[in-house]
Protein backbone atom coordinates (compact mmCIF):
# COMPACT_ATOMS: atom_id res chain seq x y z
CA UNK A 1 -7.43 13.60 13.37
CA UNK A 2 -9.40 13.12 10.03
CA UNK A 3 -10.40 9.77 8.51
CA UNK A 4 -9.40 9.40 4.96
CA UNK A 5 -11.55 7.18 2.82
CA UNK A 6 -11.94 6.38 -0.87
CA UNK A 7 -13.81 3.92 -3.00
CA UNK A 8 -10.77 3.90 -5.35
CA UNK A 9 -8.98 1.49 -2.88
CA UNK A 10 -10.33 -1.61 -1.25
CA UNK A 11 -12.65 -1.08 1.71
CA UNK A 12 -11.27 -2.08 5.06
CA UNK A 13 -11.92 -5.78 5.78
CA UNK A 14 -11.80 -5.43 9.48
CA UNK A 15 -12.45 -2.72 12.25
CA UNK A 16 -9.95 -0.19 10.85
CA UNK A 17 -9.90 2.87 8.48
CA UNK A 18 -7.87 3.08 5.22
CA UNK A 19 -6.02 6.05 6.51
CA UNK A 20 -5.85 8.85 9.02
CA UNK A 21 -4.60 12.43 8.73
CA UNK A 22 -2.89 13.45 11.91
CA UNK A 23 -1.30 16.88 12.04
CA UNK A 24 0.88 17.05 8.95
CA UNK A 25 0.98 13.32 8.33
CA UNK A 26 -1.09 10.82 6.29
CA UNK A 27 -0.77 7.32 7.79
CA UNK A 28 -2.37 4.42 5.75
CA UNK A 29 -3.37 0.96 6.68
CA UNK A 30 -1.79 -1.79 4.82
CA UNK A 31 -3.00 -2.00 1.21
CA UNK A 32 -3.42 -5.47 -0.11
CA UNK A 33 -3.52 -5.95 -4.01
CA UNK A 34 -7.34 -6.13 -4.36
CA UNK A 35 -8.79 -4.25 -7.32
CA UNK A 36 -11.51 -2.13 -5.66
CA UNK A 37 -13.78 -2.26 -8.77
CA UNK A 38 -13.92 -6.11 -8.86
CA UNK A 39 -12.86 -7.20 -5.46
CA UNK A 40 -10.40 -9.58 -7.10
CA UNK A 41 -6.63 -9.73 -6.82
CA UNK A 42 -4.54 -10.32 -9.89
CA UNK A 43 -2.19 -13.43 -10.11
CA UNK A 44 1.51 -13.22 -9.46
CA UNK A 45 3.91 -10.97 -7.44
CA UNK A 46 4.43 -8.34 -10.18
CA UNK A 47 0.67 -7.66 -10.92
CA UNK A 48 0.04 -7.75 -7.15
CA UNK A 49 2.79 -5.26 -6.33
CA UNK A 50 1.34 -2.94 -8.99
CA UNK A 51 -2.12 -3.12 -7.50
CA UNK A 52 -0.97 -2.57 -3.89
CA UNK A 53 0.91 0.56 -5.09
CA UNK A 54 -2.31 1.77 -7.11
CA UNK A 55 -4.26 1.27 -3.91
CA UNK A 56 -1.78 3.31 -1.86
CA UNK A 57 -1.78 5.98 -4.58
CA UNK A 58 -5.57 6.21 -4.38
CA UNK A 59 -5.55 6.83 -0.63
CA UNK A 60 -2.78 9.41 -0.92
CA UNK A 61 -4.79 11.07 -3.59
CA UNK A 62 -7.87 11.16 -1.49
CA UNK A 63 -5.74 12.73 1.26
CA UNK A 64 -4.39 15.42 -1.10
CA UNK A 65 -0.87 14.13 -1.40
CA UNK A 66 1.22 12.08 -3.80
CA UNK A 67 3.92 9.36 -3.78
CA UNK A 68 6.69 12.04 -3.60
CA UNK A 69 5.44 12.96 -0.13
CA UNK A 70 5.85 9.41 1.25
CA UNK A 71 8.61 9.46 3.93
CA UNK A 72 8.20 5.79 5.26
CA UNK A 73 6.81 2.51 3.86
CA UNK A 74 6.41 -0.89 5.49
CA UNK A 75 6.18 -3.71 2.95
CA UNK A 76 5.18 -7.20 3.75
CA UNK A 77 5.91 -10.18 1.37
CA UNK A 78 4.58 -13.63 1.72
CA UNK A 79 7.85 -14.93 0.23
CA UNK A 80 11.25 -13.16 0.20
CA UNK A 81 12.05 -14.92 -3.04
CA UNK A 82 9.69 -12.22 -4.52
CA UNK A 83 11.88 -9.43 -3.17
CA UNK A 84 13.57 -8.52 -6.45
CA UNK A 85 10.40 -8.61 -8.52
CA UNK A 86 8.54 -6.48 -5.90
CA UNK A 87 11.38 -4.01 -5.87
CA UNK A 88 11.37 -3.59 -9.61
CA UNK A 89 7.61 -2.55 -9.27
CA UNK A 90 8.02 -0.48 -6.07
CA UNK A 91 10.76 1.73 -7.42
CA UNK A 92 8.41 2.85 -10.26
CA UNK A 93 6.03 4.33 -7.75
CA UNK A 94 8.11 5.42 -4.81
CA UNK A 95 10.70 7.43 -6.81
CA UNK A 96 11.65 9.62 -3.83
CA UNK A 97 13.14 6.60 -2.21
CA UNK A 98 11.41 6.93 1.19
CA UNK A 99 12.87 5.02 4.13
CA UNK A 100 11.47 1.46 4.24
CA UNK A 101 11.16 -1.79 6.05
CA UNK A 102 10.45 -4.93 4.10
CA UNK A 103 9.77 -8.13 5.86
CA UNK A 104 8.48 -11.63 5.02
CA UNK A 105 5.43 -12.72 6.97
CA UNK A 106 3.77 -15.99 7.45
CA UNK A 107 0.59 -14.97 5.88
CA UNK A 108 -1.04 -11.99 4.30
CA UNK A 109 -4.94 -11.71 4.37
CA UNK A 110 -6.72 -13.64 1.57
CA UNK A 111 -3.51 -15.56 0.86
CA UNK A 112 -2.01 -12.55 -1.16
CA UNK A 113 1.56 -12.07 -1.80
CA UNK A 114 2.16 -8.53 -0.71
CA UNK A 115 0.91 -5.57 1.36
CA UNK A 116 2.07 -1.93 1.56
CA UNK A 117 1.48 0.80 4.33
CA UNK A 118 2.96 4.32 4.18
CA UNK A 119 3.35 7.49 6.13
CA UNK A 120 3.31 10.65 4.06
CA UNK A 121 3.84 14.34 4.77
CA UNK A 122 0.88 16.61 4.00
């Protein structure tokens, strides 16, 4: 098992790692839409969805894989009314259409609107 870490995605805000490489899989922690350069999240679901996807992409790149190797995503939304807007952003990054779960949750850390975690094949 190898720890994957990059400064191009937000640092963990708790006792966990950004990702692990286990066998031929890369498993990420949930990526919230915080810009790692500024520590600030953009406003609105569209901008936050883009930032979460960019953070996932940075971790995948650090692991030596890309979005087309993602086989499973789990997406968390603070409000299911954002589902359509979230999907319109998500589909631009996850073009291989990995299997997915998308659920509304009561709260996302820092009061944010979305979070994405993935499993990718190495």
